Amino acid sequence: MIHKTALISSKADLGTDVEVGPYSIIGDDVKIGSNTKIGPHVVIEGPTSIGESCHFFQFCSIGAQPQDMKYQDEPTELIVGNNCVFRECVTLNRGTTGGGGRTILGNNIFLMAYSHVAHDCRIEDHVIMANSASLAGHIHIEKHAIVGGLVGIHQFVHIGEYAMIGGLTAVSKDVVPYVLVAGNKAKVHGLNLIGLKRHGIPVESINELKTAYKMFFRSGLTVQKAIEEVEHADFASPEVSHFLNFIKSSERGVIRE
């Protein structure tokens, strides 16, 4: 299971049935869960914790120092959950002390070739990033979001759950949950209705989201007035509640139509 050319630190902790391919390097303070597969020419630096049943394809760089000029070799870390797939040349950086010291990825995440996750990002479960999508530092992506190929996302941006960002999009503000976003610079292009239906969001919730969406994005009101209109409508679905709370808590402002 461990190729003879692989270099594994005596300070690394590998679970049962971990595979390590040719010429891969596992450094100090790396913990890898059971049944994880490390392909050839992968470098994993610590402190890094990886869950079970993950798969790292060739030439991934995992847990390297953050690309932050303020970083002074502090003991920050990278945490990866279970059942994640990282295709060729994916890069994941550790956190910084200014961002809480941790870059955190959840479970069932799929990062395609050449995608990049910078320091202090937090990615929730079931997120997909397509080829060459890049996250700057301190980005939070909620569950089931999809980031298209060659997308660039500005630092500190918050991406809502079930949102879908089209390829070649430049994102500099927060993306509201459940919407489709595309363009340079990004604009909202409606609800992600296909994604919502595929994930079993109730019809009643989708209908309320449609109404809330029109009130916020197409009423011609200011952001604050639109928030008040949605609040006064007294929607029942938790999805609309999350939609509204996301907008109210946004620090960068949200992308609009």
C-alpha atoms as a PDB file:
ATOM      1  CA  MET A   1       0.000   0.000   0.000  1.00  0.00           C
ATOM      2  CA  ILE A   2       3.025   2.301   0.482  1.00  0.00           C
ATOM      3  CA  HIS A   3       5.240   2.595  -2.607  1.00  0.00           C
ATOM      4  CA  LYS A   4       8.936   2.086  -1.943  1.00  0.00           C
ATOM      5  CA  THR A   5       9.816   5.515  -3.388  1.00  0.00           C
ATOM      6  CA  ALA A   6       7.408   7.415  -1.109  1.00  0.00           C
ATOM      7  CA  LEU A   7       8.926   9.470   1.722  1.00  0.00           C
ATOM      8  CA  ILE A   8       6.901   9.406   4.933  1.00  0.00           C
ATOM      9  CA  SER A   9       7.925  11.231   8.090  1.00  0.00           C
ATOM     10  CA  SER A  10       8.187   9.268  11.306  1.00  0.00           C
ATOM     11  CA  LYS A  11       6.035  12.025  12.804  1.00  0.00           C
ATOM     12  CA  ALA A  12       3.151  11.331  10.397  1.00  0.00           C
ATOM     13  CA  ASP A  13       0.138   9.256  11.475  1.00  0.00           C
ATOM     14  CA  LEU A  14      -1.442   7.071   8.779  1.00  0.00           C
ATOM     15  CA  GLY A  15      -4.653   5.128   9.376  1.00  0.00           C
ATOM     16  CA  THR A  16      -5.386   1.611   8.205  1.00  0.00           C
ATOM     17  CA  ASP A  17      -5.366   0.780   4.483  1.00  0.00           C
ATOM     18  CA  VAL A  18      -3.920   4.132   3.441  1.00  0.00           C
ATOM     19  CA  GLU A  19      -2.303   4.014  -0.005  1.00  0.00           C
ATOM     20  CA  VAL A  20       0.669   6.231  -0.879  1.00  0.00           C
ATOM     21  CA  GLY A  21       1.850   6.312  -4.480  1.00  0.00           C
ATOM     22  CA  PRO A  22       5.304   6.671  -6.036  1.00  0.00           C
ATOM     23  CA  TYR A  23       7.431   9.688  -5.093  1.00  0.00           C
ATOM     24  CA  SER A  24       4.844  11.182  -2.779  1.00  0.00           C
ATOM     25  CA  ILE A  25       6.000  12.995   0.365  1.00  0.00           C
ATOM     26  CA  ILE A  26       4.142  12.960   3.702  1.00  0.00           C
ATOM     27  CA  GLY A  27       5.649  15.460   6.149  1.00  0.00           C
ATOM     28  CA  ASP A  28       5.709  15.979   9.910  1.00  0.00           C
ATOM     29  CA  ASP A  29       2.448  16.386  11.829  1.00  0.00           C
ATOM     30  CA  VAL A  30       0.283  14.958   9.057  1.00  0.00           C
ATOM     31  CA  LYS A  31      -2.635  12.731  10.093  1.00  0.00           C
ATOM     32  CA  ILE A  32      -4.389  10.699   7.378  1.00  0.00           C
ATOM     33  CA  GLY A  33      -7.585   8.730   8.007  1.00  0.00           C
ATOM     34  CA  SER A  34      -8.255   5.146   7.004  1.00  0.00           C
ATOM     35  CA  ASN A  35      -8.815   4.117   3.379  1.00  0.00           C
ATOM     36  CA  THR A  36      -7.457   7.356   1.979  1.00  0.00           C
ATOM     37  CA  LYS A  37      -5.570   7.100  -1.298  1.00  0.00           C
ATOM     38  CA  ILE A  38      -2.568   9.321  -2.042  1.00  0.00           C
ATOM     39  CA  GLY A  39      -1.566   9.223  -5.702  1.00  0.00           C
ATOM     40  CA  PRO A  40       1.930   9.694  -7.172  1.00  0.00           C
ATOM     41  CA  HIS A  41       3.957  12.889  -6.697  1.00  0.00           C
ATOM     42  CA  VAL A  42       1.656  14.293  -3.998  1.00  0.00           C
ATOM     43  CA  VAL A  43       3.140  16.508  -1.261  1.00  0.00           C
ATOM     44  CA  ILE A  44       1.316  16.815   2.079  1.00  0.00           C
ATOM     45  CA  GLU A  45       2.825  19.119   4.702  1.00  0.00           C
ATOM     46  CA  GLY A  46       1.758  19.528   8.287  1.00  0.00           C
ATOM     47  CA  PRO A  47       0.145  20.385  10.527  1.00  0.00           C
ATOM     48  CA  THR A  48      -2.581  18.783   8.408  1.00  0.00           C
ATOM     49  CA  SER A  49      -5.442  16.450   9.345  1.00  0.00           C
ATOM     50  CA  ILE A  50      -7.192  14.447   6.603  1.00  0.00           C
ATOM     51  CA  GLY A  51     -10.275  12.322   7.141  1.00  0.00           C
ATOM     52  CA  GLU A  52     -11.192   8.873   5.880  1.00  0.00           C
ATOM     53  CA  SER A  53     -11.734   7.639   2.311  1.00  0.00           C
ATOM     54  CA  CYS A  54     -10.302  10.685   0.566  1.00  0.00           C
ATOM     55  CA  HIS A  55      -8.518  10.521  -2.791  1.00  0.00           C
ATOM     56  CA  PHE A  56      -5.655  12.793  -3.816  1.00  0.00           C
ATOM     57  CA  PHE A  57      -4.639  12.536  -7.468  1.00  0.00           C
ATOM     58  CA  GLN A  58      -1.144  13.211  -8.786  1.00  0.00           C
ATOM     59  CA  PHE A  59       0.758  16.441  -8.138  1.00  0.00           C
ATOM     60  CA  CYS A  60      -1.516  17.810  -5.416  1.00  0.00           C
ATOM     61  CA  SER A  61       0.124  20.212  -2.951  1.00  0.00           C
ATOM     62  CA  ILE A  62      -1.651  19.922   0.399  1.00  0.00           C
ATOM     63  CA  GLY A  63      -1.020  21.875   3.596  1.00  0.00           C
ATOM     64  CA  ALA A  64       1.703  24.177   2.296  1.00  0.00           C
ATOM     65  CA  GLN A  65       2.394  27.504   3.973  1.00  0.00           C
ATOM     66  CA  PRO A  66      -0.189  30.215   3.264  1.00  0.00           C
ATOM     67  CA  GLN A  67       0.592  32.646   0.469  1.00  0.00           C
ATOM     68  CA  ASP A  68       0.462  35.583   2.827  1.00  0.00           C
ATOM     69  CA  MET A  69       3.390  37.983   3.218  1.00  0.00           C
ATOM     70  CA  LYS A  70       2.521  38.475   6.903  1.00  0.00           C
ATOM     71  CA  TYR A  71       2.992  34.773   7.635  1.00  0.00           C
ATOM     72  CA  GLN A  72       6.011  34.118   9.891  1.00  0.00           C
ATOM     73  CA  ASP A  73       6.015  30.324  10.137  1.00  0.00           C
ATOM     74  CA  GLU A  74       3.392  30.173  12.893  1.00  0.00           C
ATOM     75  CA  PRO A  75       1.968  26.674  13.633  1.00  0.00           C
ATOM     76  CA  THR A  76      -1.293  26.938  11.681  1.00  0.00           C
ATOM     77  CA  GLU A  77      -3.157  23.975  10.187  1.00  0.00           C
ATOM     78  CA  LEU A  78      -5.300  22.479   7.441  1.00  0.00           C
ATOM     79  CA  ILE A  79      -8.284  20.236   8.248  1.00  0.00           C
ATOM     80  CA  VAL A  80      -9.990  18.063   5.607  1.00  0.00           C
ATOM     81  CA  GLY A  81     -13.074  15.920   6.233  1.00  0.00           C
ATOM     82  CA  ASN A  82     -14.129  12.518   4.893  1.00  0.00           C
ATOM     83  CA  ASN A  83     -14.882  11.256   1.373  1.00  0.00           C
ATOM     84  CA  CYS A  84     -13.263  14.171  -0.434  1.00  0.00           C
ATOM     85  CA  VAL A  85     -11.761  14.003  -3.937  1.00  0.00           C
ATOM     86  CA  PHE A  86      -8.930  16.252  -5.085  1.00  0.00           C
ATOM     87  CA  ARG A  87      -7.980  15.965  -8.728  1.00  0.00           C
ATOM     88  CA  GLU A  88      -4.646  16.739 -10.392  1.00  0.00           C
ATOM     89  CA  CYS A  89      -2.590  19.696  -9.125  1.00  0.00           C
ATOM     90  CA  VAL A  90      -5.072  20.894  -6.499  1.00  0.00           C
ATOM     91  CA  THR A  91      -3.500  23.196  -3.898  1.00  0.00           C
ATOM     92  CA  LEU A  92      -4.769  23.639  -0.314  1.00  0.00           C
ATOM     93  CA  ASN A  93      -2.959  26.059   2.005  1.00  0.00           C
ATOM     94  CA  ARG A  94      -2.859  26.154   5.808  1.00  0.00           C
ATOM     95  CA  GLY A  95      -4.391  29.012   7.777  1.00  0.00           C
ATOM     96  CA  THR A  96      -2.887  32.168   9.251  1.00  0.00           C
ATOM     97  CA  THR A  97      -2.984  33.496  12.796  1.00  0.00           C
ATOM     98  CA  GLY A  98      -4.911  36.531  11.538  1.00  0.00           C
ATOM     99  CA  GLY A  99      -7.659  34.269  10.178  1.00  0.00           C
ATOM    100  CA  GLY A 100      -8.042  31.913  13.105  1.00  0.00           C
ATOM    101  CA  GLY A 101      -5.169  29.605  12.166  1.00  0.00           C
ATOM    102  CA  ARG A 102      -7.206  27.038  10.231  1.00  0.00           C
ATOM    103  CA  THR A 103      -8.246  26.261   6.694  1.00  0.00           C
ATOM    104  CA  ILE A 104     -11.213  23.873   7.000  1.00  0.00           C
ATOM    105  CA  LEU A 105     -12.871  21.637   4.399  1.00  0.00           C
ATOM    106  CA  GLY A 106     -15.897  19.514   5.239  1.00  0.00           C
ATOM    107  CA  ASN A 107     -17.073  16.153   3.898  1.00  0.00           C
ATOM    108  CA  ASN A 108     -17.878  14.934   0.377  1.00  0.00           C
ATOM    109  CA  ILE A 109     -16.086  17.813  -1.344  1.00  0.00           C
ATOM    110  CA  PHE A 110     -14.965  17.490  -4.981  1.00  0.00           C
ATOM    111  CA  LEU A 111     -12.202  19.796  -6.232  1.00  0.00           C
ATOM    112  CA  MET A 112     -11.304  19.395  -9.898  1.00  0.00           C
ATOM    113  CA  ALA A 113      -7.855  19.835 -11.464  1.00  0.00           C
ATOM    114  CA  TYR A 114      -5.798  22.961 -10.687  1.00  0.00           C
ATOM    115  CA  SER A 115      -8.347  24.425  -8.270  1.00  0.00           C
ATOM    116  CA  HIS A 116      -6.910  26.380  -5.342  1.00  0.00           C
ATOM    117  CA  VAL A 117      -8.054  27.001  -1.755  1.00  0.00           C
ATOM    118  CA  ALA A 118      -6.112  29.720   0.047  1.00  0.00           C
ATOM    119  CA  HIS A 119      -5.507  30.294   3.749  1.00  0.00           C
ATOM    120  CA  ASP A 120      -8.315  30.480   6.297  1.00  0.00           C
ATOM    121  CA  CYS A 121     -11.057  29.391   3.902  1.00  0.00           C
ATOM    122  CA  ARG A 122     -13.987  27.365   5.176  1.00  0.00           C
ATOM    123  CA  ILE A 123     -15.740  25.030   2.753  1.00  0.00           C
ATOM    124  CA  GLU A 124     -18.824  23.161   3.927  1.00  0.00           C
ATOM    125  CA  ASP A 125     -20.044  19.712   2.844  1.00  0.00           C
ATOM    126  CA  HIS A 126     -20.841  18.687  -0.748  1.00  0.00           C
ATOM    127  CA  VAL A 127     -19.177  21.677  -2.418  1.00  0.00           C
ATOM    128  CA  ILE A 128     -17.882  21.248  -5.980  1.00  0.00           C
ATOM    129  CA  MET A 129     -15.165  23.401  -7.545  1.00  0.00           C
ATOM    130  CA  ALA A 130     -14.474  22.911 -11.254  1.00  0.00           C
ATOM    131  CA  ASN A 131     -11.113  23.144 -13.026  1.00  0.00           C
ATOM    132  CA  SER A 132      -8.880  26.095 -12.128  1.00  0.00           C
ATOM    133  CA  ALA A 133     -11.369  27.733  -9.779  1.00  0.00           C
ATOM    134  CA  SER A 134      -9.459  29.824  -7.243  1.00  0.00           C
ATOM    135  CA  LEU A 135     -10.360  31.004  -3.762  1.00  0.00           C
ATOM    136  CA  ALA A 136      -8.491  33.870  -2.128  1.00  0.00           C
ATOM    137  CA  GLY A 137      -8.107  33.908   1.656  1.00  0.00           C
ATOM    138  CA  HIS A 138     -10.858  33.904   4.302  1.00  0.00           C
ATOM    139  CA  ILE A 139     -13.665  32.742   1.973  1.00  0.00           C
ATOM    140  CA  HIS A 140     -16.661  30.835   3.338  1.00  0.00           C
ATOM    141  CA  ILE A 141     -18.607  28.548   0.994  1.00  0.00           C
ATOM    142  CA  GLU A 142     -21.784  26.971   2.319  1.00  0.00           C
ATOM    143  CA  LYS A 143     -23.017  23.448   1.592  1.00  0.00           C
ATOM    144  CA  HIS A 144     -23.932  22.208  -1.897  1.00  0.00           C
ATOM    145  CA  ALA A 145     -22.564  25.283  -3.674  1.00  0.00           C
ATOM    146  CA  ILE A 146     -20.979  24.811  -7.106  1.00  0.00           C
ATOM    147  CA  VAL A 147     -18.092  26.974  -8.354  1.00  0.00           C
ATOM    148  CA  GLY A 148     -17.486  26.814 -12.104  1.00  0.00           C
ATOM    149  CA  GLY A 149     -14.218  26.555 -13.986  1.00  0.00           C
ATOM    150  CA  LEU A 150     -11.748  29.471 -14.035  1.00  0.00           C
ATOM    151  CA  VAL A 151     -13.773  31.357 -11.420  1.00  0.00           C
ATOM    152  CA  GLY A 152     -11.882  33.839  -9.239  1.00  0.00           C
ATOM    153  CA  ILE A 153     -13.314  34.754  -5.822  1.00  0.00           C
ATOM    154  CA  HIS A 154     -12.111  37.764  -3.813  1.00  0.00           C
ATOM    155  CA  GLN A 155     -10.927  37.357  -0.230  1.00  0.00           C
ATOM    156  CA  PHE A 156     -13.543  37.447   2.559  1.00  0.00           C
ATOM    157  CA  VAL A 157     -16.409  36.659   0.186  1.00  0.00           C
ATOM    158  CA  HIS A 158     -19.281  34.494   1.500  1.00  0.00           C
ATOM    159  CA  ILE A 159     -21.003  32.072  -0.910  1.00  0.00           C
ATOM    160  CA  GLY A 160     -24.478  30.890   0.096  1.00  0.00           C
ATOM    161  CA  GLU A 161     -25.739  27.318   0.067  1.00  0.00           C
ATOM    162  CA  TYR A 162     -26.993  25.789  -3.204  1.00  0.00           C
ATOM    163  CA  ALA A 163     -25.641  28.763  -5.159  1.00  0.00           C
ATOM    164  CA  MET A 164     -24.090  28.069  -8.559  1.00  0.00           C
ATOM    165  CA  ILE A 165     -21.345  30.251 -10.036  1.00  0.00           C
ATOM    166  CA  GLY A 166     -20.818  29.969 -13.796  1.00  0.00           C
ATOM    167  CA  GLY A 167     -17.407  29.580 -15.433  1.00  0.00           C
ATOM    168  CA  LEU A 168     -15.083  32.568 -15.945  1.00  0.00           C
ATOM    169  CA  THR A 169     -16.949  34.585 -13.310  1.00  0.00           C
ATOM    170  CA  ALA A 170     -15.216  37.234 -11.186  1.00  0.00           C
ATOM    171  CA  VAL A 171     -16.783  37.359  -7.710  1.00  0.00           C
ATOM    172  CA  SER A 172     -16.018  40.321  -5.452  1.00  0.00           C
ATOM    173  CA  LYS A 173     -19.178  40.464  -3.301  1.00  0.00           C
ATOM    174  CA  ASP A 174     -21.220  37.890  -1.399  1.00  0.00           C
ATOM    175  CA  VAL A 175     -23.380  35.437  -3.355  1.00  0.00           C
ATOM    176  CA  VAL A 176     -26.863  34.993  -1.889  1.00  0.00           C
ATOM    177  CA  PRO A 177     -27.988  31.372  -1.265  1.00  0.00           C
ATOM    178  CA  TYR A 178     -29.931  29.506  -3.976  1.00  0.00           C
ATOM    179  CA  VAL A 179     -29.031  31.791  -6.899  1.00  0.00           C
ATOM    180  CA  LEU A 180     -27.223  31.533 -10.245  1.00  0.00           C
ATOM    181  CA  VAL A 181     -24.312  33.932 -10.716  1.00  0.00           C
ATOM    182  CA  ALA A 182     -22.203  34.584 -13.818  1.00  0.00           C
ATOM    183  CA  GLY A 183     -20.220  37.294 -15.590  1.00  0.00           C
ATOM    184  CA  ASN A 184     -17.245  39.580 -15.188  1.00  0.00           C
ATOM    185  CA  LYS A 185     -18.037  41.147 -12.889  1.00  0.00           C
ATOM    186  CA  ALA A 186     -20.614  38.764 -11.511  1.00  0.00           C
ATOM    187  CA  LYS A 187     -24.340  39.370 -11.717  1.00  0.00           C
ATOM    188  CA  VAL A 188     -27.271  37.308 -10.435  1.00  0.00           C
ATOM    189  CA  HIS A 189     -29.277  35.515 -13.126  1.00  0.00           C
ATOM    190  CA  GLY A 190     -32.176  33.997 -11.201  1.00  0.00           C
ATOM    191  CA  LEU A 191     -32.677  31.131  -8.773  1.00  0.00           C
ATOM    192  CA  ASN A 192     -30.827  27.829  -9.117  1.00  0.00           C
ATOM    193  CA  LEU A 193     -34.148  26.055  -9.649  1.00  0.00           C
ATOM    194  CA  ILE A 194     -32.706  22.874 -11.162  1.00  0.00           C
ATOM    195  CA  GLY A 195     -30.277  22.496  -8.268  1.00  0.00           C
ATOM    196  CA  LEU A 196     -32.998  23.096  -5.692  1.00  0.00           C
ATOM    197  CA  LYS A 197     -35.284  20.491  -7.250  1.00  0.00           C
ATOM    198  CA  ARG A 198     -32.488  17.937  -7.577  1.00  0.00           C
ATOM    199  CA  HIS A 199     -31.707  18.256  -3.872  1.00  0.00           C
ATOM    200  CA  GLY A 200     -35.308  17.784  -2.844  1.00  0.00           C
ATOM    201  CA  ILE A 201     -36.085  21.287  -1.598  1.00  0.00           C
ATOM    202  CA  PRO A 202     -39.889  21.329  -1.042  1.00  0.00           C
ATOM    203  CA  VAL A 203     -42.050  22.955  -3.710  1.00  0.00           C
ATOM    204  CA  GLU A 204     -43.540  25.262  -1.077  1.00  0.00           C
ATOM    205  CA  SER A 205     -40.076  26.536  -0.173  1.00  0.00           C
ATOM    206  CA  ILE A 206     -39.136  27.044  -3.827  1.00  0.00           C
ATOM    207  CA  ASN A 207     -42.309  29.054  -4.433  1.00  0.00           C
ATOM    208  CA  GLU A 208     -41.585  31.258  -1.433  1.00  0.00           C
ATOM    209  CA  LEU A 209     -37.994  31.726  -2.616  1.00  0.00           C
ATOM    210  CA  LYS A 210     -39.295  32.857  -6.020  1.00  0.00           C
ATOM    211  CA  THR A 211     -41.415  35.515  -4.352  1.00  0.00           C
ATOM    212  CA  ALA A 212     -38.651  36.643  -1.993  1.00  0.00           C
ATOM    213  CA  TYR A 213     -36.211  36.747  -4.903  1.00  0.00           C
ATOM    214  CA  LYS A 214     -38.471  39.062  -6.914  1.00  0.00           C
ATOM    215  CA  MET A 215     -39.016  41.292  -3.910  1.00  0.00           C
ATOM    216  CA  PHE A 216     -35.308  41.668  -3.249  1.00  0.00           C
ATOM    217  CA  PHE A 217     -33.806  41.671  -6.739  1.00  0.00           C
ATOM    218  CA  ARG A 218     -36.531  43.056  -9.013  1.00  0.00           C
ATOM    219  CA  SER A 219     -38.584  45.493  -6.964  1.00  0.00           C
ATOM    220  CA  GLY A 220     -36.289  48.451  -7.612  1.00  0.00           C
ATOM    221  CA  LEU A 221     -36.036  49.054  -3.868  1.00  0.00           C
ATOM    222  CA  THR A 222     -32.879  49.806  -1.929  1.00  0.00           C
ATOM    223  CA  VAL A 223     -31.321  46.874  -0.101  1.00  0.00           C
ATOM    224  CA  GLN A 224     -32.708  47.991   3.256  1.00  0.00           C
ATOM    225  CA  LYS A 225     -36.200  48.590   1.890  1.00  0.00           C
ATOM    226  CA  ALA A 226     -36.171  45.225   0.120  1.00  0.00           C
ATOM    227  CA  ILE A 227     -35.117  43.507   3.356  1.00  0.00           C
ATOM    228  CA  GLU A 228     -38.030  45.131   5.161  1.00  0.00           C
ATOM    229  CA  GLU A 229     -40.467  44.023   2.455  1.00  0.00           C
ATOM    230  CA  VAL A 230     -39.296  40.401   2.713  1.00  0.00           C
ATOM    231  CA  GLU A 231     -39.505  40.525   6.501  1.00  0.00           C
ATOM    232  CA  HIS A 232     -43.047  41.891   6.442  1.00  0.00           C
ATOM    233  CA  ALA A 233     -44.169  39.149   4.032  1.00  0.00           C
ATOM    234  CA  ASP A 234     -43.819  36.641   6.898  1.00  0.00           C
ATOM    235  CA  PHE A 235     -42.594  33.672   4.862  1.00  0.00           C
ATOM    236  CA  ALA A 236     -42.701  30.257   6.563  1.00  0.00           C
ATOM    237  CA  SER A 237     -39.864  28.357   4.882  1.00  0.00           C
ATOM    238  CA  PRO A 238     -36.423  28.030   6.524  1.00  0.00           C
ATOM    239  CA  GLU A 239     -34.863  28.648   3.107  1.00  0.00           C
ATOM    240  CA  VAL A 240     -36.301  32.170   2.882  1.00  0.00           C
ATOM    241  CA  SER A 241     -35.230  32.783   6.477  1.00  0.00           C
ATOM    242  CA  HIS A 242     -31.671  31.809   5.563  1.00  0.00           C
ATOM    243  CA  PHE A 243     -31.856  33.884   2.367  1.00  0.00           C
ATOM    244  CA  LEU A 244     -32.867  36.945   4.391  1.00  0.00           C
ATOM    245  CA  ASN A 245     -30.438  36.440   7.274  1.00  0.00           C
ATOM    246  CA  PHE A 246     -27.579  35.960   4.803  1.00  0.00           C
ATOM    247  CA  ILE A 247     -28.309  39.332   3.198  1.00  0.00           C
ATOM    248  CA  LYS A 248     -28.692  41.100   6.543  1.00  0.00           C
ATOM    249  CA  SER A 249     -25.376  39.729   7.838  1.00  0.00           C
ATOM    250  CA  SER A 250     -23.370  40.424   4.658  1.00  0.00           C
ATOM    251  CA  GLU A 251     -20.331  42.605   5.334  1.00  0.00           C
ATOM    252  CA  ARG A 252     -19.220  43.043   1.711  1.00  0.00           C
ATOM    253  CA  GLY A 253     -22.671  43.531   0.221  1.00  0.00           C
ATOM    254  CA  VAL A 254     -24.371  41.031  -2.072  1.00  0.00           C
ATOM    255  CA  ILE A 255     -24.247  40.657  -5.838  1.00  0.00           C
ATOM    256  CA  ARG A 256     -27.461  41.826  -7.515  1.00  0.00           C
ATOM    257  CA  GLU A 257     -28.983  41.526 -10.972  1.00  0.00           C
END
